[in-house]
N, C-alpha and C. Protein backbone atom coordinates (compact mmCIF):
# COMPACT_ATOMS: atom_id res chain seq x y z
N MET A 1 25.82 -27.26 6.00
CA MET A 1 26.90 -26.34 5.39
C MET A 1 27.91 -25.62 5.12
N ARG A 2 28.10 -24.96 6.81
CA ARG A 2 28.93 -24.27 6.71
C ARG A 2 30.24 -25.02 7.14
N SER A 3 30.55 -26.09 7.31
CA SER A 3 31.44 -27.47 7.50
C SER A 3 31.63 -27.36 6.41
N TYR A 4 31.11 -27.77 5.19
CA TYR A 4 31.54 -27.76 3.91
C TYR A 4 32.29 -26.88 3.50
N PHE A 5 31.82 -25.42 3.50
CA PHE A 5 32.97 -24.00 3.34
C PHE A 5 34.24 -23.96 3.36
N LEU A 6 34.17 -24.18 5.23
CA LEU A 6 35.46 -24.71 6.16
C LEU A 6 36.62 -25.57 5.42
N PHE A 7 36.11 -26.41 5.30
CA PHE A 7 36.81 -27.07 4.45
C PHE A 7 37.39 -27.26 3.45
N ALA A 8 35.81 -26.51 2.11
CA ALA A 8 37.17 -26.29 1.22
C ALA A 8 38.23 -25.28 1.45
N ALA A 9 38.15 -23.40 2.14
CA ALA A 9 38.75 -22.76 2.22
C ALA A 9 39.58 -23.39 3.12
N ALA A 10 39.67 -24.38 3.73
CA ALA A 10 41.00 -24.54 4.11
C ALA A 10 42.07 -25.84 3.07
N LEU A 11 41.18 -26.29 2.23
CA LEU A 11 42.31 -27.18 1.29
C LEU A 11 42.76 -25.94 -0.14
N LEU A 12 42.19 -24.57 0.48
CA LEU A 12 42.58 -23.77 -0.60
C LEU A 12 43.26 -23.07 0.09
N LEU A 13 43.42 -22.58 1.13
CA LEU A 13 44.12 -22.20 1.80
C LEU A 13 45.48 -22.58 1.87
N GLY A 14 45.99 -23.84 2.36
CA GLY A 14 46.62 -25.29 1.83
C GLY A 14 47.36 -25.55 0.31
N ALA A 15 47.00 -25.37 -0.46
CA ALA A 15 47.06 -25.37 -2.17
C ALA A 15 48.24 -24.22 -2.34
N CYS A 16 47.94 -23.09 -1.83
CA CYS A 16 48.43 -21.55 -1.44
C CYS A 16 49.51 -21.77 -1.04
N SER A 17 49.38 -22.27 0.33
CA SER A 17 50.91 -21.89 1.51
C SER A 17 51.83 -22.78 0.78
N LYS A 18 51.57 -24.37 -0.13
CA LYS A 18 52.63 -25.33 -1.13
C LYS A 18 53.25 -24.73 -1.96
N GLU A 19 52.09 -23.79 -2.96
CA GLU A 19 53.03 -22.55 -4.16
C GLU A 19 53.95 -21.64 -3.16
N ALA A 20 53.06 -21.11 -2.47
CA ALA A 20 53.88 -20.19 -1.40
C ALA A 20 55.96 -20.56 -1.53
N ALA A 21 55.17 -21.60 -0.32
CA ALA A 21 56.90 -22.44 -0.38
C ALA A 21 57.64 -23.24 -1.29
N ALA A 22 57.38 -23.30 -2.45
CA ALA A 22 58.24 -23.99 -3.34
C ALA A 22 57.44 -23.22 -4.90
N PRO A 23 58.49 -22.27 -5.08
CA PRO A 23 58.08 -20.86 -6.24
C PRO A 23 58.19 -21.37 -7.92
N ALA A 24 58.32 -23.22 -7.57
CA ALA A 24 58.77 -23.85 -8.82
C ALA A 24 57.47 -23.76 -8.93
N GLU A 25 57.59 -24.43 -9.97
CA GLU A 25 56.72 -25.06 -10.99
C GLU A 25 55.95 -25.52 -10.06
N PRO A 26 54.67 -25.31 -10.44
CA PRO A 26 52.73 -25.41 -9.76
C PRO A 26 52.38 -26.54 -10.04
N ASP A 27 51.95 -27.36 -8.91
CA ASP A 27 51.53 -28.19 -9.14
C ASP A 27 50.61 -28.43 -9.61
N VAL A 28 50.10 -28.86 -11.21
CA VAL A 28 49.11 -28.75 -11.65
C VAL A 28 47.68 -30.46 -10.88
N SER A 29 48.25 -30.81 -10.69
CA SER A 29 47.71 -32.16 -10.62
C SER A 29 46.67 -31.49 -8.90
N MET A 30 48.23 -31.40 -8.34
CA MET A 30 47.64 -31.16 -6.62
C MET A 30 46.68 -29.80 -6.76
N ILE A 31 46.66 -29.32 -7.66
CA ILE A 31 45.80 -27.24 -7.44
C ILE A 31 44.52 -28.30 -8.52
N ALA A 32 44.26 -29.42 -9.68
CA ALA A 32 43.40 -29.61 -10.19
C ALA A 32 42.44 -30.72 -9.34
N GLU A 33 43.03 -31.53 -8.32
CA GLU A 33 42.35 -32.01 -6.90
C GLU A 33 41.90 -31.82 -6.58
N ASN A 34 42.37 -30.47 -5.51
CA ASN A 34 41.94 -29.36 -4.84
C ASN A 34 40.41 -28.72 -5.09
N ALA A 35 40.62 -28.56 -6.40
CA ALA A 35 39.41 -27.85 -7.29
C ALA A 35 38.41 -28.86 -7.14
N VAL A 36 38.84 -30.16 -7.33
CA VAL A 36 37.39 -30.89 -7.68
C VAL A 36 36.66 -31.09 -6.10
N VAL A 37 38.07 -30.96 -5.19
CA VAL A 37 37.24 -31.29 -3.89
C VAL A 37 36.87 -30.43 -3.53
N ALA A 38 37.01 -28.46 -3.59
CA ALA A 38 36.14 -27.83 -3.57
C ALA A 38 34.95 -27.80 -3.96
N GLU A 39 35.15 -27.71 -5.74
CA GLU A 39 34.23 -28.00 -5.96
C GLU A 39 32.71 -29.09 -5.38
N ALA A 40 33.46 -30.46 -5.19
CA ALA A 40 32.11 -31.41 -4.29
C ALA A 40 32.28 -30.67 -3.20
N ALA A 41 32.67 -30.07 -2.15
CA ALA A 41 31.98 -29.72 -0.80
C ALA A 41 31.00 -28.15 -0.86
N VAL A 42 31.02 -27.76 -2.27
CA VAL A 42 30.62 -26.53 -2.88
C VAL A 42 28.89 -27.05 -3.55
N GLN A 43 29.13 -28.37 -3.74
CA GLN A 43 28.01 -28.38 -4.92
C GLN A 43 26.65 -28.59 -3.95
N PRO A 44 26.96 -29.53 -2.72
CA PRO A 44 25.71 -29.70 -2.06
C PRO A 44 25.21 -28.69 -0.94
N ALA A 45 26.67 -27.18 -1.22
CA ALA A 45 25.36 -26.47 0.09
C ALA A 45 24.59 -25.66 -1.91
N GLU A 46 24.94 -25.69 -2.77
CA GLU A 46 24.19 -25.02 -4.24
C GLU A 46 23.01 -25.90 -4.19
N THR A 47 22.93 -26.93 -4.08
CA THR A 47 22.48 -28.42 -4.16
C THR A 47 20.99 -27.39 -3.00
N GLU A 48 21.00 -27.06 -2.01
CA GLU A 48 20.22 -27.06 -0.90
C GLU A 48 19.95 -25.65 -1.31
N LEU A 49 20.40 -24.82 -1.55
CA LEU A 49 20.02 -23.24 -1.53
C LEU A 49 18.85 -23.51 -3.12
N ALA A 50 19.16 -24.15 -3.95
CA ALA A 50 18.94 -24.29 -5.52
C ALA A 50 17.13 -24.44 -4.83
N ALA A 51 17.04 -25.51 -4.01
CA ALA A 51 15.76 -26.34 -3.61
C ALA A 51 15.24 -25.21 -2.70
N SER A 52 15.81 -24.66 -2.07
CA SER A 52 15.09 -23.31 -1.77
C SER A 52 14.09 -22.47 -2.25
N VAL A 53 15.10 -22.25 -3.88
CA VAL A 53 14.01 -21.00 -3.90
C VAL A 53 13.98 -22.05 -5.71
N SER A 54 13.61 -23.10 -5.55
CA SER A 54 13.24 -23.59 -6.93
C SER A 54 11.53 -23.40 -6.84
N PRO A 55 11.19 -22.92 -8.71
CA PRO A 55 10.39 -22.11 -9.05
C PRO A 55 9.25 -23.76 -8.45
N ALA A 56 9.43 -24.68 -9.05
CA ALA A 56 8.23 -25.81 -8.18
C ALA A 56 8.24 -25.96 -6.66
N ALA A 57 8.62 -25.95 -5.71
CA ALA A 57 8.78 -25.25 -4.06
C ALA A 57 7.50 -24.28 -4.21
N PRO A 58 6.55 -24.42 -2.80
CA PRO A 58 5.47 -24.00 -2.40
C PRO A 58 6.33 -22.85 -2.12
N VAL A 59 5.68 -21.28 -2.14
CA VAL A 59 6.79 -20.13 -1.34
C VAL A 59 5.53 -20.14 -0.36
N ALA A 60 5.57 -19.65 0.91
CA ALA A 60 4.94 -18.77 1.76
C ALA A 60 4.64 -17.24 1.78
N VAL A 61 3.48 -17.12 1.16
CA VAL A 61 3.47 -15.48 1.20
C VAL A 61 2.62 -15.04 2.67
N PRO A 62 2.46 -14.13 3.15
CA PRO A 62 1.79 -13.89 4.17
C PRO A 62 0.79 -13.35 3.56
N VAL A 63 -0.22 -13.51 4.28
CA VAL A 63 -1.64 -12.91 3.61
C VAL A 63 -1.97 -11.78 4.48
N GLN A 64 -2.68 -10.71 3.29
CA GLN A 64 -2.56 -8.97 3.93
C GLN A 64 -4.12 -9.63 4.19
N PRO A 65 -4.61 -9.03 5.80
CA PRO A 65 -6.09 -8.67 5.71
C PRO A 65 -6.57 -7.70 5.51
N ALA A 66 -8.04 -7.82 4.80
CA ALA A 66 -9.04 -6.96 3.70
C ALA A 66 -9.10 -6.03 3.99
N PRO A 67 -8.90 -4.98 4.15
CA PRO A 67 -8.99 -3.03 4.60
C PRO A 67 -10.45 -3.55 4.70
N ALA A 68 -11.19 -3.18 6.02
CA ALA A 68 -12.28 -2.72 6.88
C ALA A 68 -12.98 -1.95 6.52
N VAL A 69 -14.43 -2.46 5.73
CA VAL A 69 -15.11 -2.21 4.75
C VAL A 69 -16.56 -1.85 5.60
N PRO A 70 -16.95 -0.39 5.49
CA PRO A 70 -18.25 0.01 6.53
C PRO A 70 -19.36 -0.94 6.20
N ALA A 71 -20.23 -1.20 7.08
CA ALA A 71 -21.06 -2.67 6.54
C ALA A 71 -22.62 -1.85 6.30
N GLU A 72 -23.05 -1.84 5.32
CA GLU A 72 -23.82 -1.27 4.50
C GLU A 72 -25.57 -1.71 5.52
N PRO A 73 -26.13 -0.83 5.50
CA PRO A 73 -27.42 -1.69 6.37
C PRO A 73 -28.46 -2.56 4.94
N ALA A 74 -29.35 -3.47 6.00
CA ALA A 74 -29.74 -4.24 4.58
C ALA A 74 -31.25 -3.43 4.39
N ALA A 75 -30.90 -3.94 3.14
CA ALA A 75 -32.08 -3.05 1.58
C ALA A 75 -33.43 -3.78 2.76
N GLN A 76 -33.73 -4.78 3.23
CA GLN A 76 -35.11 -5.32 3.49
C GLN A 76 -34.78 -5.90 4.67
N PRO A 77 -34.52 -5.31 6.01
CA PRO A 77 -34.59 -6.33 7.45
C PRO A 77 -35.52 -6.95 7.46
N ALA A 78 -34.82 -8.46 8.60
CA ALA A 78 -35.77 -9.34 8.66
C ALA A 78 -37.36 -9.04 9.06
N GLU A 79 -38.34 -9.66 9.48
CA GLU A 79 -39.72 -9.27 10.08
C GLU A 79 -39.22 -9.41 11.33
N ALA A 80 -38.76 -10.98 11.64
CA ALA A 80 -38.05 -10.42 13.53
C ALA A 80 -37.67 -8.89 13.80
N GLN A 81 -37.11 -8.42 12.56
CA GLN A 81 -35.85 -6.90 13.50
C GLN A 81 -36.98 -5.89 13.34
N ARG A 82 -38.50 -6.31 13.01
CA ARG A 82 -39.44 -5.03 13.16
C ARG A 82 -40.77 -5.68 13.70
N ASP A 83 -41.04 -4.65 15.13
CA ASP A 83 -42.15 -5.31 15.85
C ASP A 83 -43.26 -4.98 14.76
N ALA A 84 -44.52 -5.61 14.58
CA ALA A 84 -45.84 -5.69 13.82
C ALA A 84 -46.16 -4.42 15.27
N ARG A 85 -46.23 -4.21 15.97
CA ARG A 85 -47.62 -3.55 16.91
C ARG A 85 -47.26 -1.68 16.22
N MET A 86 -45.77 -1.54 15.69
CA MET A 86 -45.18 -0.42 15.56
C MET A 86 -45.82 0.09 13.66
N ALA A 87 -46.14 -0.65 12.98
CA ALA A 87 -46.61 -0.48 11.56
C ALA A 87 -48.01 0.23 12.25
N GLY A 88 -47.58 1.22 10.92
CA GLY A 88 -49.01 2.11 10.87
C GLY A 88 -48.56 4.08 10.60
N ILE A 89 -49.71 4.74 11.06
CA ILE A 89 -48.81 6.35 10.58
C ILE A 89 -49.03 6.86 12.68
N TRP A 90 -48.39 7.17 13.10
CA TRP A 90 -48.20 7.74 13.88
C TRP A 90 -48.65 9.53 14.20
N VAL A 91 -49.30 9.49 15.16
CA VAL A 91 -49.28 11.12 15.47
C VAL A 91 -49.23 12.12 16.60
N ASN A 92 -48.15 12.98 16.97
CA ASN A 92 -48.04 13.43 18.53
C ASN A 92 -48.31 14.70 17.51
N GLU A 93 -49.59 15.16 18.49
CA GLU A 93 -50.09 17.16 18.40
C GLU A 93 -49.42 17.49 19.63
N ASN A 94 -49.15 18.73 19.43
CA ASN A 94 -48.77 19.72 20.58
C ASN A 94 -49.69 20.71 20.10
N ILE A 95 -50.04 21.34 21.00
CA ILE A 95 -51.76 22.69 21.26
C ILE A 95 -50.89 23.77 22.37
N VAL A 96 -51.10 24.34 21.81
CA VAL A 96 -50.41 25.72 22.69
C VAL A 96 -51.81 27.32 22.66
N ASN A 97 -52.17 27.13 23.77
CA ASN A 97 -53.18 27.59 23.16
C ASN A 97 -53.23 28.87 24.28
N SER A 98 -53.63 30.54 23.98
CA SER A 98 -53.05 31.62 24.57
C SER A 98 -54.75 31.84 25.82
N GLY A 99 -54.39 32.29 27.01
CA GLY A 99 -55.72 32.78 27.68
C GLY A 99 -55.84 34.71 26.56
N GLY A 100 -56.89 34.76 27.78
CA GLY A 100 -56.52 36.81 27.93
C GLY A 100 -57.79 36.87 26.84
N SER A 101 -58.65 38.05 26.65
CA SER A 101 -59.02 38.30 25.17
C SER A 101 -58.14 38.64 23.30
N ASN A 102 -57.27 38.45 23.80
CA ASN A 102 -56.72 38.15 22.63
C ASN A 102 -56.17 36.44 22.19
N PHE A 103 -57.24 35.68 22.18
CA PHE A 103 -57.32 34.29 22.41
C PHE A 103 -56.15 34.05 20.53
N ALA A 104 -55.16 33.15 21.42
CA ALA A 104 -54.15 32.48 19.57
C ALA A 104 -54.32 31.29 20.25
N SER A 105 -54.03 30.44 18.73
CA SER A 105 -54.23 29.01 19.26
C SER A 105 -52.68 28.48 18.24
N TYR A 106 -51.33 28.04 18.94
CA TYR A 106 -50.85 26.72 17.94
C TYR A 106 -50.37 26.03 17.73
N THR A 107 -50.37 25.16 16.75
CA THR A 107 -50.84 23.85 16.91
C THR A 107 -49.65 23.07 15.64
N THR A 108 -48.58 21.68 16.94
CA THR A 108 -47.67 21.39 15.35
C THR A 108 -47.99 20.03 15.86
N VAL A 109 -48.39 19.66 14.93
CA VAL A 109 -48.30 18.15 14.35
C VAL A 109 -47.18 17.16 13.18
N MET A 110 -46.94 16.25 14.47
CA MET A 110 -45.32 15.34 13.95
C MET A 110 -46.38 13.84 13.57
N THR A 111 -46.23 14.09 12.42
CA THR A 111 -46.50 12.22 11.81
C THR A 111 -45.32 11.51 11.24
N MET A 112 -45.66 10.45 11.91
CA MET A 112 -44.80 9.36 11.39
C MET A 112 -45.54 8.42 10.86
N GLU A 113 -44.80 7.97 10.08
CA GLU A 113 -45.17 6.77 9.14
C GLU A 113 -44.45 5.26 9.77
N LEU A 114 -45.00 4.65 9.93
CA LEU A 114 -43.92 3.22 9.70
C LEU A 114 -44.51 2.49 8.84
N HIS A 115 -44.26 1.65 7.84
CA HIS A 115 -44.28 0.82 6.82
C HIS A 115 -43.98 -0.65 7.50
N PRO A 116 -44.99 -1.20 7.34
CA PRO A 116 -44.40 -2.76 7.03
C PRO A 116 -43.51 -2.96 6.37
N ASP A 117 -42.74 -2.74 5.38
CA ASP A 117 -42.20 -2.92 4.34
C ASP A 117 -40.67 -2.20 4.97
N GLY A 118 -40.57 -1.67 6.21
CA GLY A 118 -39.81 -1.22 6.45
C GLY A 118 -39.28 0.19 6.17
N ARG A 119 -39.63 0.78 5.13
CA ARG A 119 -39.60 2.46 5.24
C ARG A 119 -40.48 3.20 6.28
N VAL A 120 -39.68 4.13 6.92
CA VAL A 120 -40.40 4.78 7.44
C VAL A 120 -40.21 6.72 6.60
N VAL A 121 -41.30 7.45 7.03
CA VAL A 121 -41.27 8.65 6.87
C VAL A 121 -42.07 9.35 7.70
N GLN A 122 -41.24 10.88 8.02
CA GLN A 122 -41.63 11.42 9.40
C GLN A 122 -41.80 13.02 9.13
N TYR A 123 -42.59 13.40 9.47
CA TYR A 123 -42.80 14.77 8.79
C TYR A 123 -43.12 15.86 9.90
N THR A 124 -43.77 16.93 10.08
CA THR A 124 -44.20 18.40 10.74
C THR A 124 -45.43 19.09 9.95
N GLU A 125 -45.85 19.62 10.59
CA GLU A 125 -47.28 20.65 10.12
C GLU A 125 -47.00 21.50 11.12
N SER A 126 -47.52 22.49 10.43
CA SER A 126 -47.39 23.44 12.02
C SER A 126 -48.37 24.40 11.32
N ILE A 127 -49.29 24.89 12.36
CA ILE A 127 -50.60 26.05 12.37
C ILE A 127 -50.63 26.49 13.19
N GLY A 128 -51.44 27.88 13.37
CA GLY A 128 -51.81 28.83 13.60
C GLY A 128 -52.90 29.53 13.76
N GLY A 129 -53.17 30.47 14.42
CA GLY A 129 -54.04 31.59 14.43
C GLY A 129 -54.94 32.49 15.78
N GLY A 130 -55.05 33.60 15.38
CA GLY A 130 -55.81 34.40 16.51
C GLY A 130 -56.88 35.42 15.52
N GLY A 131 -57.00 36.64 16.67
CA GLY A 131 -58.34 37.65 15.76
C GLY A 131 -57.64 37.92 14.46
N ASN A 132 -56.86 38.31 14.64
CA ASN A 132 -56.29 39.39 13.29
C ASN A 132 -55.01 38.21 12.58
N TRP A 133 -55.22 37.10 12.92
CA TRP A 133 -54.07 36.08 11.83
C TRP A 133 -53.71 35.04 12.00
N SER A 134 -52.56 34.32 10.46
CA SER A 134 -53.03 33.40 10.90
C SER A 134 -52.13 32.37 10.27
N TYR A 135 -51.46 31.10 10.09
CA TYR A 135 -50.23 30.85 9.97
C TYR A 135 -50.19 29.28 9.21
N ASP A 136 -49.82 28.99 8.20
CA ASP A 136 -50.15 27.02 7.81
C ASP A 136 -48.05 27.40 7.56
N GLY A 137 -47.71 26.75 8.39
CA GLY A 137 -45.96 26.51 8.02
C GLY A 137 -45.77 25.07 7.10
N GLY A 138 -46.85 24.72 6.37
CA GLY A 138 -47.39 23.53 5.38
C GLY A 138 -46.92 22.22 6.55
N ARG A 139 -46.01 20.98 5.31
CA ARG A 139 -45.68 20.27 5.42
C ARG A 139 -44.08 20.71 5.23
N THR A 140 -43.13 19.94 6.38
CA THR A 140 -42.16 19.90 6.94
C THR A 140 -41.34 18.50 6.41
N ILE A 141 -40.76 17.74 5.51
CA ILE A 141 -40.23 16.05 6.50
C ILE A 141 -39.68 16.37 6.74
N ASP A 142 -39.05 16.04 7.60
CA ASP A 142 -37.83 16.04 8.53
C ASP A 142 -36.99 15.04 8.85
N PHE A 143 -37.17 13.58 7.76
CA PHE A 143 -36.42 12.02 6.76
C PHE A 143 -37.53 10.72 7.11
N GLU A 144 -36.41 10.84 5.96
CA GLU A 144 -37.22 9.20 5.21
C GLU A 144 -36.11 8.01 5.49
N GLY A 145 -35.90 6.99 5.69
CA GLY A 145 -35.60 6.55 5.55
C GLY A 145 -36.10 4.74 5.74
N GLU A 146 -35.22 3.68 6.64
CA GLU A 146 -35.51 2.34 7.43
C GLU A 146 -35.85 2.91 8.91
N TRP A 147 -36.78 1.64 9.08
CA TRP A 147 -37.07 1.30 10.77
C TRP A 147 -36.94 0.34 11.40
N ARG A 148 -36.11 -0.12 12.13
CA ARG A 148 -36.43 -1.42 12.60
C ARG A 148 -37.00 -1.43 14.57
N ALA A 149 -37.37 -1.87 14.80
CA ALA A 149 -38.06 -2.11 16.33
C ALA A 149 -37.84 -3.56 16.99
N ASP A 150 -37.83 -3.27 18.14
CA ASP A 150 -36.70 -5.03 18.44
C ASP A 150 -38.16 -5.00 20.03
N GLY A 151 -38.82 -4.22 19.84
CA GLY A 151 -39.80 -4.80 21.21
C GLY A 151 -39.32 -3.90 22.10
N GLN A 152 -38.18 -2.69 22.27
CA GLN A 152 -37.54 -2.21 23.42
C GLN A 152 -37.74 -0.52 22.88
N THR A 153 -36.74 -1.01 21.59
CA THR A 153 -35.97 0.27 20.64
C THR A 153 -36.38 0.71 19.71
N LEU A 154 -36.66 1.65 19.22
CA LEU A 154 -36.78 1.81 17.49
C LEU A 154 -35.38 2.58 17.17
N SER A 155 -34.88 1.65 16.20
CA SER A 155 -33.73 2.65 15.36
C SER A 155 -33.92 2.85 13.99
N VAL A 156 -33.96 4.09 13.25
CA VAL A 156 -33.70 4.34 11.80
C VAL A 156 -32.55 4.73 11.35
N TYR A 157 -32.48 4.37 10.08
CA TYR A 157 -31.07 4.66 9.30
C TYR A 157 -32.01 5.81 8.46
N ALA A 158 -31.24 6.33 8.26
CA ALA A 158 -31.73 7.35 7.43
C ALA A 158 -30.51 9.25 6.83
N ALA A 159 -30.22 8.52 5.07
CA ALA A 159 -29.03 10.02 5.10
C ALA A 159 -28.91 11.33 5.83
N PRO A 160 -27.81 11.25 6.30
CA PRO A 160 -26.34 11.00 5.89
C PRO A 160 -26.30 9.97 7.22
N LEU A 161 -26.77 9.19 7.59
CA LEU A 161 -26.33 8.87 8.69
C LEU A 161 -25.86 7.68 8.60
N PRO A 162 -24.35 6.91 9.24
CA PRO A 162 -24.02 5.67 8.65
C PRO A 162 -24.74 4.17 8.96
N GLY A 163 -25.27 4.35 9.64
CA GLY A 163 -26.04 3.13 9.67
C GLY A 163 -27.29 3.14 10.11
N PHE A 164 -28.07 2.08 11.22
CA PHE A 164 -28.73 2.10 11.78
C PHE A 164 -29.08 3.08 12.75
N THR A 165 -29.65 3.76 13.55
CA THR A 165 -29.72 4.68 14.96
C THR A 165 -30.46 4.05 15.92
N LEU A 166 -29.90 4.10 17.43
CA LEU A 166 -31.42 4.56 18.01
C LEU A 166 -32.11 5.65 18.34
N ALA A 167 -33.16 5.61 17.86
CA ALA A 167 -34.26 7.14 17.28
C ALA A 167 -34.92 7.46 19.00
N ALA A 168 -35.52 6.00 20.15
CA ALA A 168 -35.87 6.61 21.20
C ALA A 168 -36.36 5.13 21.67
N THR A 169 -36.55 4.71 22.93
CA THR A 169 -37.30 3.80 23.36
C THR A 169 -38.74 3.94 23.67
N TYR A 170 -39.68 2.73 23.40
CA TYR A 170 -41.25 2.95 23.37
C TYR A 170 -41.68 1.89 24.41
N SER A 171 -42.96 2.09 24.55
CA SER A 171 -43.49 1.44 25.10
C SER A 171 -45.36 1.93 24.29
N PHE A 172 -45.89 0.63 24.77
CA PHE A 172 -47.40 1.39 24.83
C PHE A 172 -48.03 1.72 26.05
N SER A 173 -49.29 2.34 26.16
CA SER A 173 -49.92 2.24 26.63
C SER A 173 -51.29 2.53 26.27
N GLY A 174 -52.23 0.87 26.49
CA GLY A 174 -53.27 1.38 25.92
C GLY A 174 -53.21 1.64 24.25
N GLU A 175 -53.60 1.93 23.58
CA GLU A 175 -53.75 2.34 22.09
C GLU A 175 -52.78 3.26 21.91
N TYR A 176 -52.08 3.60 22.76
CA TYR A 176 -51.12 4.71 22.44
C TYR A 176 -49.58 4.56 22.39
N LEU A 177 -48.80 5.19 21.73
CA LEU A 177 -47.23 4.76 21.33
C LEU A 177 -46.59 5.68 22.28
N VAL A 178 -45.63 5.15 23.30
CA VAL A 178 -44.90 6.55 24.00
C VAL A 178 -43.54 6.01 23.50
N THR A 179 -42.89 7.33 23.57
CA THR A 179 -41.48 7.12 23.17
C THR A 179 -40.72 8.20 23.73
N GLN A 180 -39.35 7.68 24.59
CA GLN A 180 -38.17 8.81 24.87
C GLN A 180 -37.63 8.60 24.17
N SER A 181 -37.26 10.00 23.83
CA SER A 181 -35.55 10.34 23.06
C SER A 181 -34.77 11.20 23.72
N ASP A 182 -34.44 11.86 22.50
CA ASP A 182 -33.24 13.43 23.53
C ASP A 182 -34.59 14.91 22.77
N MET A 183 -35.87 14.40 22.48
CA MET A 183 -36.97 15.41 21.88
C MET A 183 -37.75 15.08 23.49
N GLY A 184 -37.31 14.62 24.69
CA GLY A 184 -38.31 13.92 25.85
C GLY A 184 -38.95 12.71 26.03
N ARG A 185 -40.05 12.19 25.88
CA ARG A 185 -41.32 11.86 26.33
C ARG A 185 -42.34 12.09 25.74
N LEU A 186 -43.04 11.63 24.26
CA LEU A 186 -43.90 11.70 23.90
C LEU A 186 -45.32 11.01 23.43
N ILE A 187 -46.54 11.13 23.29
CA ILE A 187 -47.13 10.26 23.61
C ILE A 187 -48.30 10.58 22.18
N TRP A 188 -47.79 9.73 21.43
CA TRP A 188 -48.65 9.16 19.67
C TRP A 188 -49.65 8.16 19.42
N GLN A 189 -50.52 8.94 18.49
CA GLN A 189 -52.04 8.45 18.98
C GLN A 189 -51.77 7.59 17.28
N ARG A 190 -52.21 6.01 16.90
CA ARG A 190 -52.18 5.23 15.62
C ARG A 190 -53.48 6.58 14.76
N ARG A 191 -53.48 6.46 13.87
CA ARG A 191 -53.93 6.99 12.69
C ARG A 191 -54.53 6.46 11.55
N GLY A 192 -54.07 5.16 11.22
CA GLY A 192 -54.03 4.54 10.30
C GLY A 192 -52.90 3.17 10.18
């Protein structure tokens, strides 16, 4: 394509230099002939350019990757993701007794309800009393959400967590569930 342009430019320059050398009447036939040759030289280049931008020709458009969207936890995790042995109501009791003549007792009961359909609720109740006092803290819900267990780890999803989060590792000791987490080692007894 470049050779066509150079050829056409050389023809036009040649025609101009002949006109400058002979300032007499311009040779119309020579100018017309050079214009036809120049037009013929430019025409293939225009055809190539038109073919490259033709509306019928497919145009390659770069594909932009879709922005990453955080995955939402599945509303109902697969049964295989729930260790059936974990389903039930588990209770951990912590009892503190004082000694001496002014006896007092304070009990904290944590209850973890792991429903077979994947729902989880954990709540805490505290009560205490002594010689001339008593306390009932009522029930406080620690969290509600969903649970998964794979035989070694228990994960929960509860707002405002972005997804399932490791809550504890676990094992069974006879009829007891033993968990290890940031709360330390806890022993849970089945109540339902």
